[in-house]
N, C-alpha and C. Protein backbone atom coordinates (compact mmCIF):
# COMPACT_ATOMS: atom_id res chain seq x y z
N UNK A 1 199.12 195.87 137.84
CA UNK A 1 199.05 196.34 139.20
C UNK A 1 198.05 197.50 139.33
N UNK A 2 198.10 198.41 138.40
CA UNK A 2 197.19 199.55 138.42
C UNK A 2 195.77 199.07 138.15
N UNK A 3 195.62 198.06 137.29
CA UNK A 3 194.29 197.51 137.02
C UNK A 3 193.68 196.94 138.30
N UNK A 4 194.49 196.26 139.09
CA UNK A 4 194.00 195.67 140.33
C UNK A 4 193.57 196.78 141.30
N UNK A 5 194.34 197.88 141.38
CA UNK A 5 194.00 198.99 142.27
C UNK A 5 192.70 199.67 141.81
N UNK A 6 192.55 199.81 140.50
CA UNK A 6 191.34 200.41 139.96
C UNK A 6 190.14 199.52 140.27
N UNK A 7 190.28 198.22 140.10
CA UNK A 7 189.18 197.27 140.37
C UNK A 7 188.83 197.30 141.86
N UNK A 8 189.84 197.30 142.74
CA UNK A 8 189.61 197.36 144.18
C UNK A 8 188.92 198.68 144.54
N UNK A 9 189.36 199.78 143.94
CA UNK A 9 188.76 201.08 144.22
C UNK A 9 187.31 201.10 143.75
N UNK A 10 187.05 200.54 142.56
CA UNK A 10 185.67 200.49 142.05
C UNK A 10 184.80 199.63 142.96
N UNK A 11 185.30 198.51 143.43
CA UNK A 11 184.54 197.63 144.32
C UNK A 11 184.29 198.35 145.65
N UNK A 12 185.32 199.03 146.16
CA UNK A 12 185.18 199.75 147.42
C UNK A 12 184.15 200.87 147.31
N UNK A 13 184.20 201.64 146.22
CA UNK A 13 183.23 202.69 145.99
C UNK A 13 181.83 202.09 145.83
N UNK A 14 181.73 200.98 145.12
CA UNK A 14 180.44 200.31 144.93
C UNK A 14 179.86 199.83 146.25
N UNK A 15 180.70 199.30 147.14
CA UNK A 15 180.23 198.85 148.46
C UNK A 15 179.75 200.04 149.30
N UNK A 16 180.49 201.14 149.24
CA UNK A 16 180.09 202.32 150.00
C UNK A 16 178.77 202.87 149.48
N UNK A 17 178.63 202.94 148.16
CA UNK A 17 177.39 203.43 147.57
C UNK A 17 176.24 202.48 147.89
N UNK A 18 176.48 201.17 147.81
CA UNK A 18 175.44 200.19 148.14
C UNK A 18 175.02 200.28 149.59
N UNK A 19 176.00 200.45 150.50
CA UNK A 19 175.70 200.58 151.92
C UNK A 19 174.84 201.81 152.18
N UNK A 20 175.22 202.93 151.60
CA UNK A 20 174.43 204.16 151.76
C UNK A 20 173.04 204.02 151.16
N UNK A 21 172.93 203.31 150.06
CA UNK A 21 171.63 203.08 149.43
C UNK A 21 170.72 202.26 150.34
N UNK A 22 171.29 201.22 150.94
CA UNK A 22 170.51 200.38 151.87
C UNK A 22 170.06 201.21 153.07
N UNK A 23 170.95 202.06 153.59
CA UNK A 23 170.57 202.92 154.72
C UNK A 23 169.44 203.87 154.35
N UNK A 24 169.48 204.43 153.16
CA UNK A 24 168.41 205.33 152.72
C UNK A 24 167.09 204.58 152.53
N UNK A 25 167.15 203.36 152.05
CA UNK A 25 165.94 202.56 151.89
C UNK A 25 165.32 202.26 153.25
N UNK A 26 166.17 201.91 154.23
CA UNK A 26 165.67 201.64 155.58
C UNK A 26 165.05 202.90 156.20
N UNK A 27 165.69 204.04 156.01
CA UNK A 27 165.14 205.30 156.52
C UNK A 27 163.80 205.62 155.87
N UNK A 28 163.68 205.36 154.59
CA UNK A 28 162.42 205.61 153.89
C UNK A 28 161.32 204.70 154.44
N UNK A 29 161.68 203.44 154.72
CA UNK A 29 160.69 202.51 155.28
C UNK A 29 160.25 202.98 156.67
N UNK A 30 161.21 203.44 157.48
CA UNK A 30 160.86 203.94 158.81
C UNK A 30 159.99 205.19 158.70
N UNK A 31 160.30 206.04 157.74
CA UNK A 31 159.49 207.25 157.55
C UNK A 31 158.06 206.88 157.16
N UNK A 32 157.91 205.85 156.34
CA UNK A 32 156.58 205.38 155.97
C UNK A 32 155.81 204.87 157.17
N UNK A 33 156.51 204.15 158.06
CA UNK A 33 155.86 203.65 159.28
C UNK A 33 155.44 204.81 160.17
N UNK A 34 156.33 205.80 160.31
CA UNK A 34 156.00 206.97 161.14
C UNK A 34 154.81 207.72 160.54
N UNK A 35 154.78 207.80 159.24
CA UNK A 35 153.67 208.49 158.59
C UNK A 35 152.36 207.76 158.83
N UNK A 36 152.37 206.44 158.71
CA UNK A 36 151.13 205.69 158.93
C UNK A 36 150.69 205.77 160.40
N UNK A 37 151.65 205.77 161.33
CA UNK A 37 151.30 205.93 162.74
C UNK A 37 150.69 207.31 162.99
N UNK A 38 151.27 208.32 162.37
CA UNK A 38 150.74 209.68 162.53
C UNK A 38 149.34 209.79 161.94
N UNK A 39 149.10 209.14 160.80
CA UNK A 39 147.77 209.17 160.19
C UNK A 39 146.75 208.48 161.08
N UNK A 40 147.15 207.36 161.69
CA UNK A 40 146.24 206.67 162.61
C UNK A 40 145.92 207.54 163.82
N UNK A 41 146.94 208.23 164.34
CA UNK A 41 146.73 209.12 165.48
C UNK A 41 145.78 210.26 165.10
N UNK A 42 145.96 210.82 163.92
CA UNK A 42 145.08 211.90 163.46
C UNK A 42 143.65 211.38 163.32
N UNK A 43 143.49 210.18 162.79
CA UNK A 43 142.15 209.60 162.62
C UNK A 43 141.48 209.41 163.98
N UNK A 44 142.23 208.86 164.96
CA UNK A 44 141.66 208.67 166.30
C UNK A 44 141.28 210.01 166.93
N UNK A 45 142.13 211.01 166.73
CA UNK A 45 141.83 212.33 167.30
C UNK A 45 140.62 212.97 166.62
N UNK A 46 140.46 212.75 165.33
CA UNK A 46 139.28 213.29 164.64
C UNK A 46 138.00 212.64 165.17
N UNK A 47 138.05 211.33 165.41
CA UNK A 47 136.88 210.64 165.97
C UNK A 47 136.58 211.17 167.37
N UNK A 48 137.63 211.32 168.18
CA UNK A 48 137.43 211.84 169.53
C UNK A 48 136.89 213.27 169.48
N UNK A 49 137.38 214.06 168.53
CA UNK A 49 136.89 215.43 168.37
C UNK A 49 135.41 215.45 168.03
N UNK A 50 134.96 214.56 167.13
CA UNK A 50 133.54 214.48 166.78
C UNK A 50 132.71 214.10 167.99
N UNK A 51 133.21 213.12 168.78
CA UNK A 51 132.48 212.70 169.98
C UNK A 51 132.37 213.85 170.98
N UNK A 52 133.46 214.60 171.15
CA UNK A 52 133.43 215.72 172.08
C UNK A 52 132.51 216.83 171.61
N UNK A 53 132.45 217.06 170.30
CA UNK A 53 131.53 218.07 169.77
C UNK A 53 130.08 217.66 170.02
N UNK A 54 129.78 216.36 169.83
CA UNK A 54 128.42 215.88 170.11
C UNK A 54 128.09 216.04 171.59
N UNK A 55 129.07 215.72 172.44
CA UNK A 55 128.85 215.85 173.88
C UNK A 55 128.65 217.32 174.26
N UNK A 56 129.42 218.21 173.64
CA UNK A 56 129.26 219.64 173.91
C UNK A 56 127.88 220.12 173.50
N UNK A 57 127.39 219.67 172.33
CA UNK A 57 126.03 220.04 171.91
C UNK A 57 125.01 219.55 172.92
N UNK A 58 125.20 218.32 173.41
CA UNK A 58 124.28 217.76 174.39
C UNK A 58 124.30 218.56 175.69
N UNK A 59 125.50 218.93 176.13
CA UNK A 59 125.63 219.66 177.39
C UNK A 59 125.02 221.05 177.27
N UNK A 60 125.13 221.65 176.10
CA UNK A 60 124.59 222.99 175.92
C UNK A 60 123.09 223.01 175.65
N UNK A 61 122.49 221.85 175.52
CA UNK A 61 121.05 221.81 175.23
C UNK A 61 120.23 222.16 176.47
N UNK A 62 119.04 222.62 176.22
CA UNK A 62 118.14 223.00 177.31
C UNK A 62 117.71 221.77 178.12
N UNK A 63 117.58 220.64 177.45
CA UNK A 63 117.15 219.42 178.14
C UNK A 63 118.20 219.00 179.17
N UNK A 64 119.49 219.08 178.82
CA UNK A 64 120.55 218.71 179.74
C UNK A 64 120.56 219.63 180.96
N UNK A 65 120.40 220.92 180.71
CA UNK A 65 120.38 221.89 181.80
C UNK A 65 119.19 221.63 182.71
N UNK A 66 118.05 221.32 182.12
CA UNK A 66 116.85 221.03 182.92
C UNK A 66 117.06 219.77 183.76
N UNK A 67 117.63 218.73 183.17
CA UNK A 67 117.88 217.50 183.92
C UNK A 67 118.84 217.75 185.07
N UNK A 68 119.87 218.57 184.82
CA UNK A 68 120.81 218.90 185.90
C UNK A 68 120.12 219.66 187.02
N UNK A 69 119.26 220.58 186.66
CA UNK A 69 118.53 221.35 187.69
C UNK A 69 117.62 220.43 188.49
N UNK A 70 117.00 219.49 187.83
CA UNK A 70 116.10 218.57 188.53
C UNK A 70 116.89 217.62 189.43
N UNK A 71 117.93 217.02 188.89
CA UNK A 71 118.66 215.99 189.64
C UNK A 71 119.54 216.57 190.75
N UNK A 72 120.30 217.58 190.44
CA UNK A 72 121.29 218.08 191.40
C UNK A 72 120.73 219.14 192.34
N UNK A 73 119.83 219.94 191.86
CA UNK A 73 119.32 221.04 192.68
C UNK A 73 117.94 220.78 193.26
N UNK A 74 117.27 219.73 192.80
CA UNK A 74 115.95 219.40 193.30
C UNK A 74 114.87 220.36 192.86
N UNK A 75 115.08 221.01 191.73
CA UNK A 75 114.08 221.95 191.23
C UNK A 75 112.99 221.20 190.46
N UNK A 76 111.83 221.85 190.33
CA UNK A 76 110.72 221.23 189.63
C UNK A 76 110.01 222.28 188.80
N UNK A 77 109.26 221.82 187.82
CA UNK A 77 108.44 222.73 187.01
C UNK A 77 107.21 223.12 187.82
N UNK A 78 106.52 224.13 187.34
CA UNK A 78 105.30 224.58 188.01
C UNK A 78 104.27 223.45 188.00
N UNK A 79 103.70 223.16 189.14
CA UNK A 79 102.70 222.10 189.25
C UNK A 79 103.28 220.76 189.63
N UNK A 80 104.59 220.61 189.63
CA UNK A 80 105.22 219.35 190.04
C UNK A 80 105.61 219.41 191.51
N UNK A 81 105.68 218.24 192.13
CA UNK A 81 106.06 218.15 193.53
C UNK A 81 107.36 217.35 193.63
N UNK A 82 108.33 217.86 194.36
CA UNK A 82 109.60 217.17 194.57
C UNK A 82 109.46 216.27 195.78
N UNK A 83 109.80 215.00 195.62
CA UNK A 83 109.72 214.04 196.70
C UNK A 83 111.14 213.57 197.01
N UNK A 84 111.54 213.69 198.29
CA UNK A 84 112.87 213.26 198.71
C UNK A 84 112.68 212.11 199.68
N UNK A 85 113.23 210.96 199.33
CA UNK A 85 113.12 209.77 200.17
C UNK A 85 114.38 209.66 201.01
N UNK A 86 114.25 209.54 202.33
CA UNK A 86 115.42 209.41 203.20
C UNK A 86 116.19 208.12 202.90
N UNK A 87 117.49 208.17 203.13
CA UNK A 87 118.36 207.01 202.88
C UNK A 87 117.92 205.79 203.69
N UNK A 88 117.49 206.00 204.91
CA UNK A 88 117.08 204.88 205.76
C UNK A 88 115.92 204.11 205.14
N UNK A 89 114.97 204.85 204.58
CA UNK A 89 113.80 204.21 203.95
C UNK A 89 114.23 203.43 202.71
N UNK A 90 115.14 203.99 201.96
CA UNK A 90 115.62 203.29 200.75
C UNK A 90 116.30 201.99 201.15
N UNK A 91 117.16 202.04 202.17
CA UNK A 91 117.84 200.83 202.63
C UNK A 91 116.85 199.81 203.17
N UNK A 92 115.83 200.30 203.87
CA UNK A 92 114.83 199.40 204.44
C UNK A 92 114.05 198.69 203.34
N UNK A 93 113.66 199.42 202.31
CA UNK A 93 112.88 198.84 201.22
C UNK A 93 113.73 197.88 200.40
N UNK A 94 114.96 198.24 200.16
CA UNK A 94 115.83 197.39 199.34
C UNK A 94 116.41 196.22 200.12
N UNK A 95 116.26 196.23 201.44
CA UNK A 95 116.75 195.12 202.24
C UNK A 95 118.23 195.22 202.54
N UNK A 96 118.78 196.35 202.31
CA UNK A 96 120.20 196.55 202.56
C UNK A 96 120.39 196.91 204.02
N UNK A 97 121.43 196.38 204.63
CA UNK A 97 121.70 196.72 206.02
C UNK A 97 123.12 197.24 206.14
N UNK A 98 123.33 198.06 207.13
CA UNK A 98 124.66 198.63 207.33
C UNK A 98 125.55 197.67 208.12
N UNK A 99 125.00 196.55 208.57
CA UNK A 99 125.78 195.61 209.36
C UNK A 99 126.53 194.60 208.50
N UNK A 100 126.46 194.75 207.20
CA UNK A 100 127.18 193.83 206.33
C UNK A 100 128.67 194.06 206.50
N UNK A 101 129.42 192.97 206.59
CA UNK A 101 130.87 193.08 206.77
C UNK A 101 131.56 192.77 205.46
N UNK A 102 132.62 193.46 205.22
CA UNK A 102 133.41 193.26 204.02
C UNK A 102 134.62 192.43 204.39
N UNK A 103 134.78 191.31 203.70
CA UNK A 103 135.91 190.43 203.96
C UNK A 103 137.06 190.89 203.07
N UNK A 104 138.16 191.19 203.69
CA UNK A 104 139.33 191.66 202.94
C UNK A 104 140.40 190.58 202.99
N UNK A 105 140.63 189.94 201.88
CA UNK A 105 141.65 188.91 201.78
C UNK A 105 142.98 189.53 201.40
N UNK A 106 144.08 188.92 201.78
CA UNK A 106 145.37 189.36 201.23
C UNK A 106 145.37 189.13 199.72
N UNK A 107 146.10 189.92 199.00
CA UNK A 107 146.09 189.87 197.55
C UNK A 107 146.42 188.47 197.03
N UNK A 108 147.45 187.84 197.58
CA UNK A 108 147.85 186.52 197.08
C UNK A 108 146.76 185.48 197.32
N UNK A 109 146.05 185.59 198.46
CA UNK A 109 144.99 184.64 198.77
C UNK A 109 143.78 184.85 197.87
N UNK A 110 143.50 186.10 197.55
CA UNK A 110 142.40 186.39 196.63
C UNK A 110 142.64 185.77 195.26
N UNK A 111 143.87 185.92 194.74
CA UNK A 111 144.20 185.32 193.44
C UNK A 111 144.18 183.80 193.52
N UNK A 112 144.65 183.24 194.65
CA UNK A 112 144.63 181.79 194.85
C UNK A 112 143.20 181.27 194.75
N UNK A 113 142.25 181.97 195.40
CA UNK A 113 140.86 181.55 195.37
C UNK A 113 140.26 181.69 193.97
N UNK A 114 140.68 182.70 193.23
CA UNK A 114 140.15 182.90 191.89
C UNK A 114 140.55 181.74 190.97
N UNK A 115 141.80 181.32 191.07
CA UNK A 115 142.30 180.33 190.11
C UNK A 115 142.15 178.88 190.58
N UNK A 116 142.12 178.63 191.89
CA UNK A 116 142.14 177.25 192.35
C UNK A 116 140.93 176.83 193.15
N UNK A 117 139.92 177.65 193.25
CA UNK A 117 138.71 177.23 193.99
C UNK A 117 137.50 177.41 193.14
């Protein structure tokens, strides 16, 4: 009788230890996944950081500042002439007219035309 209780107790302890072992293995696997996700995120952020540093260098360059002054402020170097073309002339040359109408379809009809016409 005591042998049976000892065997049952050993089996019960073995099951509890095995269950806890399986839980620890699963936690370790999840930790590995979290670690790899974190490493991927760090890698993407490092790439983005390098791109932003390159962009910052470009923005701080004299050429970028000069282009901004020319495009946005209409400034020119000595000896250059700034030419501003009116919008009406641009539209006339390009053949664009303001009388063009925009057809607005209901959303469902637009999708219907995309897939079935």
